[in-house]
């Protein structure tokens, strides 16, 4: 079956328009990538969907560098007074790129909550959904870092408990050895105390008279 020629005009059906946009966008991005790889060319591609969503491709590290390189090239051509049809077309492309960059700045300001006066309900809903997704990712990362920090603190606590237990056992062992070495002296002191008590018991009685009568017992007269 021969494929019919597509008429170059706006597709009125919203679903068909979105499907066509997705297919041709992917094809354009693929062609840009192939051109940069096969021909070692510096390629930059910027696409905005009808709803304002950005799609871009750059063969260099930054798409901004490619745009600046293009603008500098146009300025060099203008300073040499070599303006022909291609240079005029280049100006048009430069203006288009400048408009795209301006749109990017507008999108950035909207994400920051600025310049929302002219936004529709649908655009605001899309911004809200995008911010919700970003906030969810940020919170997930924050909770992950908090969990990792808590695990580090728990590990540090376990190490301190183990170290404290080891020091306590070492202290008790050293204390036990000191008590064992001092026990004979304690026994000698106890024996000295017992001997002193016995002496005190012997000399507690008081006698009056000759020495020989100290050990005799007196009995009362009948």
C-alpha atoms as a PDB file:
ATOM      1  CA  UNK A   1       0.000   0.000   0.000  1.00  0.00           C
ATOM      2  CA  UNK A   2       1.392   3.403  -1.018  1.00  0.00           C
ATOM      3  CA  UNK A   3       1.621   5.835   1.802  1.00  0.00           C
ATOM      4  CA  UNK A   4      -0.199   9.058   1.137  1.00  0.00           C
ATOM      5  CA  UNK A   5       1.475  12.432   1.287  1.00  0.00           C
ATOM      6  CA  UNK A   6       0.917  14.278   4.531  1.00  0.00           C
ATOM      7  CA  UNK A   7      -0.670  17.654   4.111  1.00  0.00           C
ATOM      8  CA  UNK A   8       1.409  20.358   5.757  1.00  0.00           C
ATOM      9  CA  UNK A   9      -1.089  21.993   8.041  1.00  0.00           C
ATOM     10  CA  UNK A  10      -2.015  21.904  11.710  1.00  0.00           C
ATOM     11  CA  UNK A  11      -3.611  18.650  12.824  1.00  0.00           C
ATOM     12  CA  UNK A  12      -6.936  19.519  14.392  1.00  0.00           C
ATOM     13  CA  UNK A  13      -7.456  16.299  16.352  1.00  0.00           C
ATOM     14  CA  UNK A  14      -5.633  16.657  19.687  1.00  0.00           C
ATOM     15  CA  UNK A  15      -4.852  12.938  20.069  1.00  0.00           C
ATOM     16  CA  UNK A  16      -3.503  12.603  16.524  1.00  0.00           C
ATOM     17  CA  UNK A  17      -1.510  15.793  16.960  1.00  0.00           C
ATOM     18  CA  UNK A  18       0.114  14.481  20.157  1.00  0.00           C
ATOM     19  CA  UNK A  19       0.943  11.104  18.556  1.00  0.00           C
ATOM     20  CA  UNK A  20       2.485  12.804  15.516  1.00  0.00           C
ATOM     21  CA  UNK A  21       4.489  15.120  17.745  1.00  0.00           C
ATOM     22  CA  UNK A  22       5.911  12.219  19.775  1.00  0.00           C
ATOM     23  CA  UNK A  23       6.898  10.222  16.689  1.00  0.00           C
ATOM     24  CA  UNK A  24       8.516  13.081  14.805  1.00  0.00           C
ATOM     25  CA  UNK A  25      10.220  14.408  17.926  1.00  0.00           C
ATOM     26  CA  UNK A  26      11.860  11.032  18.572  1.00  0.00           C
ATOM     27  CA  UNK A  27      12.888  10.786  14.927  1.00  0.00           C
ATOM     28  CA  UNK A  28      14.402  14.257  14.987  1.00  0.00           C
ATOM     29  CA  UNK A  29      16.365  13.528  18.162  1.00  0.00           C
ATOM     30  CA  UNK A  30      17.616  10.266  16.654  1.00  0.00           C
ATOM     31  CA  UNK A  31      18.733  11.997  13.463  1.00  0.00           C
ATOM     32  CA  UNK A  32      20.552  14.677  15.453  1.00  0.00           C
ATOM     33  CA  UNK A  33      22.385  12.015  17.426  1.00  0.00           C
ATOM     34  CA  UNK A  34      23.346  10.071  14.290  1.00  0.00           C
ATOM     35  CA  UNK A  35      24.595  13.242  12.613  1.00  0.00           C
ATOM     36  CA  UNK A  36      26.819  14.112  15.556  1.00  0.00           C
ATOM     37  CA  UNK A  37      28.293  10.594  15.755  1.00  0.00           C
ATOM     38  CA  UNK A  38      28.715   9.753  12.067  1.00  0.00           C
ATOM     39  CA  UNK A  39      29.993  13.153  10.948  1.00  0.00           C
ATOM     40  CA  UNK A  40      31.656  14.323  14.176  1.00  0.00           C
ATOM     41  CA  UNK A  41      29.504  17.430  14.034  1.00  0.00           C
ATOM     42  CA  UNK A  42      28.505  19.690  16.901  1.00  0.00           C
ATOM     43  CA  UNK A  43      24.722  19.505  17.045  1.00  0.00           C
ATOM     44  CA  UNK A  44      22.293  21.277  19.352  1.00  0.00           C
ATOM     45  CA  UNK A  45      18.533  20.664  19.245  1.00  0.00           C
ATOM     46  CA  UNK A  46      15.793  22.364  21.310  1.00  0.00           C
ATOM     47  CA  UNK A  47      12.124  21.345  21.151  1.00  0.00           C
ATOM     48  CA  UNK A  48       9.145  22.715  23.066  1.00  0.00           C
ATOM     49  CA  UNK A  49       5.943  20.724  23.075  1.00  0.00           C
ATOM     50  CA  UNK A  50       2.570  22.484  22.592  1.00  0.00           C
ATOM     51  CA  UNK A  51       2.212  22.396  26.371  1.00  0.00           C
ATOM     52  CA  UNK A  52       5.586  24.007  26.942  1.00  0.00           C
ATOM     53  CA  UNK A  53       7.594  20.891  27.881  1.00  0.00           C
ATOM     54  CA  UNK A  54      11.261  21.081  26.919  1.00  0.00           C
ATOM     55  CA  UNK A  55      13.188  18.452  24.923  1.00  0.00           C
ATOM     56  CA  UNK A  56      16.799  19.067  24.019  1.00  0.00           C
ATOM     57  CA  UNK A  57      19.889  17.361  22.645  1.00  0.00           C
ATOM     58  CA  UNK A  58      23.487  18.502  22.516  1.00  0.00           C
ATOM     59  CA  UNK A  59      26.530  16.685  21.232  1.00  0.00           C
ATOM     60  CA  UNK A  60      28.781  18.928  23.350  1.00  0.00           C
ATOM     61  CA  UNK A  61      28.964  19.252  27.118  1.00  0.00           C
ATOM     62  CA  UNK A  62      26.523  22.178  27.133  1.00  0.00           C
ATOM     63  CA  UNK A  63      23.895  23.349  24.679  1.00  0.00           C
ATOM     64  CA  UNK A  64      24.566  26.929  25.781  1.00  0.00           C
ATOM     65  CA  UNK A  65      28.140  26.716  24.483  1.00  0.00           C
ATOM     66  CA  UNK A  66      26.872  25.654  21.058  1.00  0.00           C
ATOM     67  CA  UNK A  67      24.403  28.555  20.953  1.00  0.00           C
ATOM     68  CA  UNK A  68      27.114  31.016  22.005  1.00  0.00           C
ATOM     69  CA  UNK A  69      29.423  29.616  19.352  1.00  0.00           C
ATOM     70  CA  UNK A  70      26.694  30.100  16.751  1.00  0.00           C
ATOM     71  CA  UNK A  71      26.003  33.669  17.836  1.00  0.00           C
ATOM     72  CA  UNK A  72      29.703  34.517  17.773  1.00  0.00           C
ATOM     73  CA  UNK A  73      29.944  33.097  14.283  1.00  0.00           C
ATOM     74  CA  UNK A  74      27.070  35.261  13.110  1.00  0.00           C
ATOM     75  CA  UNK A  75      28.667  38.337  14.672  1.00  0.00           C
ATOM     76  CA  UNK A  76      31.963  37.594  12.927  1.00  0.00           C
ATOM     77  CA  UNK A  77      30.160  37.318   9.599  1.00  0.00           C
ATOM     78  CA  UNK A  78      28.368  40.582  10.258  1.00  0.00           C
ATOM     79  CA  UNK A  79      31.607  42.420  11.071  1.00  0.00           C
ATOM     80  CA  UNK A  80      33.095  41.280   7.737  1.00  0.00           C
ATOM     81  CA  UNK A  81      30.044  42.627   5.842  1.00  0.00           C
ATOM     82  CA  UNK A  82      29.428  39.214   4.323  1.00  0.00           C
ATOM     83  CA  UNK A  83      25.707  39.056   4.593  1.00  0.00           C
ATOM     84  CA  UNK A  84      23.957  36.975   2.028  1.00  0.00           C
ATOM     85  CA  UNK A  85      20.872  34.832   2.039  1.00  0.00           C
ATOM     86  CA  UNK A  86      22.471  32.291   4.380  1.00  0.00           C
ATOM     87  CA  UNK A  87      23.478  34.968   6.858  1.00  0.00           C
ATOM     88  CA  UNK A  88      19.920  36.326   6.846  1.00  0.00           C
ATOM     89  CA  UNK A  89      18.647  32.846   7.499  1.00  0.00           C
ATOM     90  CA  UNK A  90      21.235  32.511  10.231  1.00  0.00           C
ATOM     91  CA  UNK A  91      19.890  35.660  11.869  1.00  0.00           C
ATOM     92  CA  UNK A  92      16.450  34.172  11.791  1.00  0.00           C
ATOM     93  CA  UNK A  93      17.719  31.019  13.456  1.00  0.00           C
ATOM     94  CA  UNK A  94      19.592  33.088  16.025  1.00  0.00           C
ATOM     95  CA  UNK A  95      16.426  34.982  16.785  1.00  0.00           C
ATOM     96  CA  UNK A  96      14.569  31.694  17.103  1.00  0.00           C
ATOM     97  CA  UNK A  97      17.183  30.341  19.485  1.00  0.00           C
ATOM     98  CA  UNK A  98      17.024  33.536  21.510  1.00  0.00           C
ATOM     99  CA  UNK A  99      13.273  33.072  21.770  1.00  0.00           C
ATOM    100  CA  UNK A 100      13.764  29.502  22.946  1.00  0.00           C
ATOM    101  CA  UNK A 101      16.214  30.631  25.599  1.00  0.00           C
ATOM    102  CA  UNK A 102      13.726  33.256  26.694  1.00  0.00           C
ATOM    103  CA  UNK A 103      11.069  30.557  26.997  1.00  0.00           C
ATOM    104  CA  UNK A 104      13.439  28.530  29.149  1.00  0.00           C
ATOM    105  CA  UNK A 105      13.930  31.517  31.435  1.00  0.00           C
ATOM    106  CA  UNK A 106      10.149  31.956  31.670  1.00  0.00           C
ATOM    107  CA  UNK A 107       9.728  28.288  32.589  1.00  0.00           C
ATOM    108  CA  UNK A 108      12.438  28.640  35.218  1.00  0.00           C
ATOM    109  CA  UNK A 109      10.739  31.685  36.765  1.00  0.00           C
ATOM    110  CA  UNK A 110       7.417  29.846  36.855  1.00  0.00           C
ATOM    111  CA  UNK A 111       9.017  26.953  38.722  1.00  0.00           C
ATOM    112  CA  UNK A 112      10.232  29.514  41.246  1.00  0.00           C
ATOM    113  CA  UNK A 113       6.672  30.861  41.619  1.00  0.00           C
ATOM    114  CA  UNK A 114       7.240  34.028  39.590  1.00  0.00           C
ATOM    115  CA  UNK A 115       5.356  35.363  36.561  1.00  0.00           C
ATOM    116  CA  UNK A 116       2.245  33.205  37.076  1.00  0.00           C
ATOM    117  CA  UNK A 117      -0.306  35.906  36.290  1.00  0.00           C
ATOM    118  CA  UNK A 118      -0.759  34.877  32.650  1.00  0.00           C
ATOM    119  CA  UNK A 119      -0.746  31.118  33.347  1.00  0.00           C
ATOM    120  CA  UNK A 120      -3.838  29.005  32.775  1.00  0.00           C
ATOM    121  CA  UNK A 121      -5.259  26.455  35.210  1.00  0.00           C
ATOM    122  CA  UNK A 122      -3.840  23.619  33.109  1.00  0.00           C
ATOM    123  CA  UNK A 123      -0.344  25.149  33.132  1.00  0.00           C
ATOM    124  CA  UNK A 124      -0.506  25.714  36.877  1.00  0.00           C
ATOM    125  CA  UNK A 125      -1.610  22.112  37.391  1.00  0.00           C
ATOM    126  CA  UNK A 126       1.354  20.873  35.342  1.00  0.00           C
ATOM    127  CA  UNK A 127       3.726  23.048  37.376  1.00  0.00           C
ATOM    128  CA  UNK A 128       2.221  21.723  40.602  1.00  0.00           C
ATOM    129  CA  UNK A 129       2.622  18.108  39.467  1.00  0.00           C
ATOM    130  CA  UNK A 130       6.218  18.736  38.442  1.00  0.00           C
ATOM    131  CA  UNK A 131       7.009  20.357  41.789  1.00  0.00           C
ATOM    132  CA  UNK A 132       5.345  17.485  43.659  1.00  0.00           C
ATOM    133  CA  UNK A 133       7.531  14.973  41.843  1.00  0.00           C
ATOM    134  CA  UNK A 134      10.624  17.025  42.596  1.00  0.00           C
ATOM    135  CA  UNK A 135       9.629  17.373  46.259  1.00  0.00           C
ATOM    136  CA  UNK A 136       9.076  13.613  46.537  1.00  0.00           C
ATOM    137  CA  UNK A 137      12.576  12.931  45.210  1.00  0.00           C
ATOM    138  CA  UNK A 138      14.100  15.518  47.546  1.00  0.00           C
ATOM    139  CA  UNK A 139      12.354  14.052  50.585  1.00  0.00           C
ATOM    140  CA  UNK A 140      13.387  10.527  49.651  1.00  0.00           C
ATOM    141  CA  UNK A 141      17.015  11.631  49.411  1.00  0.00           C
ATOM    142  CA  UNK A 142      16.768  13.489  52.728  1.00  0.00           C
ATOM    143  CA  UNK A 143      15.306  10.449  54.532  1.00  0.00           C
ATOM    144  CA  UNK A 144      18.014   8.244  53.046  1.00  0.00           C
ATOM    145  CA  UNK A 145      20.733  10.534  54.413  1.00  0.00           C
ATOM    146  CA  UNK A 146      18.997  10.651  57.813  1.00  0.00           C
ATOM    147  CA  UNK A 147      18.827   6.855  57.978  1.00  0.00           C
ATOM    148  CA  UNK A 148      22.496   6.583  57.111  1.00  0.00           C
ATOM    149  CA  UNK A 149      23.379   9.124  59.819  1.00  0.00           C
ATOM    150  CA  UNK A 150      21.278   7.240  62.395  1.00  0.00           C
ATOM    151  CA  UNK A 151      23.022   3.968  61.518  1.00  0.00           C
ATOM    152  CA  UNK A 152      26.406   5.641  61.995  1.00  0.00           C
ATOM    153  CA  UNK A 153      25.358   6.947  65.409  1.00  0.00           C
ATOM    154  CA  UNK A 154      24.068   3.515  66.443  1.00  0.00           C
ATOM    155  CA  UNK A 155      27.324   1.897  65.381  1.00  0.00           C
ATOM    156  CA  UNK A 156      29.259   4.499  67.366  1.00  0.00           C
ATOM    157  CA  UNK A 157      27.052   3.799  70.402  1.00  0.00           C
ATOM    158  CA  UNK A 158      27.676   0.052  70.150  1.00  0.00           C
ATOM    159  CA  UNK A 159      31.428   0.634  69.966  1.00  0.00           C
ATOM    160  CA  UNK A 160      31.341   2.879  73.038  1.00  0.00           C
ATOM    161  CA  UNK A 161      29.319   0.315  75.003  1.00  0.00           C
ATOM    162  CA  UNK A 162      31.770  -2.447  74.112  1.00  0.00           C
ATOM    163  CA  UNK A 163      34.730  -0.257  75.045  1.00  0.00           C
ATOM    164  CA  UNK A 164      33.101   0.680  78.359  1.00  0.00           C
ATOM    165  CA  UNK A 165      32.444  -2.981  79.156  1.00  0.00           C
ATOM    166  CA  UNK A 166      36.044  -3.900  78.415  1.00  0.00           C
ATOM    167  CA  UNK A 167      37.371  -1.108  80.650  1.00  0.00           C
ATOM    168  CA  UNK A 168      35.020  -2.162  83.451  1.00  0.00           C
ATOM    169  CA  UNK A 169      36.205  -5.781  83.288  1.00  0.00           C
ATOM    170  CA  UNK A 170      39.825  -4.642  83.294  1.00  0.00           C
ATOM    171  CA  UNK A 171      39.182  -2.440  86.332  1.00  0.00           C
ATOM    172  CA  UNK A 172      37.489  -5.264  88.247  1.00  0.00           C
ATOM    173  CA  UNK A 173      40.375  -7.644  87.487  1.00  0.00           C
ATOM    174  CA  UNK A 174      42.943  -5.115  88.731  1.00  0.00           C
ATOM    175  CA  UNK A 175      40.866  -4.408  91.823  1.00  0.00           C
ATOM    176  CA  UNK A 176      40.608  -8.151  92.619  1.00  0.00           C
ATOM    177  CA  UNK A 177      44.395  -8.524  92.465  1.00  0.00           C
ATOM    178  CA  UNK A 178      44.870  -5.594  94.863  1.00  0.00           C
ATOM    179  CA  UNK A 179      42.476  -7.122  97.430  1.00  0.00           C
ATOM    180  CA  UNK A 180      44.273 -10.493  97.271  1.00  0.00           C
ATOM    181  CA  UNK A 181      47.661  -8.872  97.911  1.00  0.00           C
ATOM    182  CA  UNK A 182      46.449  -6.928 100.945  1.00  0.00           C
ATOM    183  CA  UNK A 183      44.576  -9.818 102.713  1.00  0.00           C
ATOM    184  CA  UNK A 184      47.564 -11.115 104.924  1.00  0.00           C
ATOM    185  CA  UNK A 185      48.023  -7.687 106.455  1.00  0.00           C
ATOM    186  CA  UNK A 186      44.345  -7.604 107.310  1.00  0.00           C
ATOM    187  CA  UNK A 187      44.614 -10.981 109.114  1.00  0.00           C
ATOM    188  CA  UNK A 188      47.611  -9.759 111.152  1.00  0.00           C
ATOM    189  CA  UNK A 189      45.708  -6.664 112.178  1.00  0.00           C
ATOM    190  CA  UNK A 190      42.771  -8.783 113.301  1.00  0.00           C
ATOM    191  CA  UNK A 191      45.094 -11.010 115.418  1.00  0.00           C
ATOM    192  CA  UNK A 192      46.657  -7.940 117.042  1.00  0.00           C
ATOM    193  CA  UNK A 193      43.181  -6.617 117.895  1.00  0.00           C
ATOM    194  CA  UNK A 194      42.176  -9.962 119.497  1.00  0.00           C
ATOM    195  CA  UNK A 195      45.408 -10.038 121.574  1.00  0.00           C
ATOM    196  CA  UNK A 196      44.847  -6.484 122.784  1.00  0.00           C
ATOM    197  CA  UNK A 197      41.292  -7.362 123.783  1.00  0.00           C
ATOM    198  CA  UNK A 198      42.566 -10.328 125.830  1.00  0.00           C
ATOM    199  CA  UNK A 199      45.075  -8.095 127.604  1.00  0.00           C
ATOM    200  CA  UNK A 200      42.353  -5.606 128.359  1.00  0.00           C
ATOM    201  CA  UNK A 201      40.193  -8.395 129.855  1.00  0.00           C
ATOM    202  CA  UNK A 202      43.073  -9.456 132.165  1.00  0.00           C
ATOM    203  CA  UNK A 203      43.764  -6.027 133.600  1.00  0.00           C
ATOM    204  CA  UNK A 204      40.200  -4.935 134.112  1.00  0.00           C
ATOM    205  CA  UNK A 205      39.992  -6.060 137.799  1.00  0.00           C
ATOM    206  CA  UNK A 206      41.311  -3.742 140.564  1.00  0.00           C
ATOM    207  CA  UNK A 207      42.841  -5.270 143.779  1.00  0.00           C
ATOM    208  CA  UNK A 208      43.931  -3.567 147.024  1.00  0.00           C
ATOM    209  CA  UNK A 209      46.457  -5.288 149.258  1.00  0.00           C
ATOM    210  CA  UNK A 210      49.600  -7.345 148.938  1.00  0.00           C
ATOM    211  CA  UNK A 211      50.358  -8.811 145.555  1.00  0.00           C
ATOM    212  CA  UNK A 212      49.977 -12.380 146.701  1.00  0.00           C
ATOM    213  CA  UNK A 213      46.345 -11.813 147.643  1.00  0.00           C
ATOM    214  CA  UNK A 214      45.358 -10.828 144.112  1.00  0.00           C
ATOM    215  CA  UNK A 215      44.715 -14.430 143.023  1.00  0.00           C
ATOM    216  CA  UNK A 216      42.971 -15.572 146.297  1.00  0.00           C
ATOM    217  CA  UNK A 217      39.248 -15.595 146.656  1.00  0.00           C
ATOM    218  CA  UNK A 218      37.530 -14.251 149.748  1.00  0.00           C
ATOM    219  CA  UNK A 219      34.496 -15.994 151.005  1.00  0.00           C
ATOM    220  CA  UNK A 220      32.004 -14.282 153.199  1.00  0.00           C
ATOM    221  CA  UNK A 221      31.882 -15.481 156.889  1.00  0.00           C
ATOM    222  CA  UNK A 222      29.234 -17.897 157.808  1.00  0.00           C
END
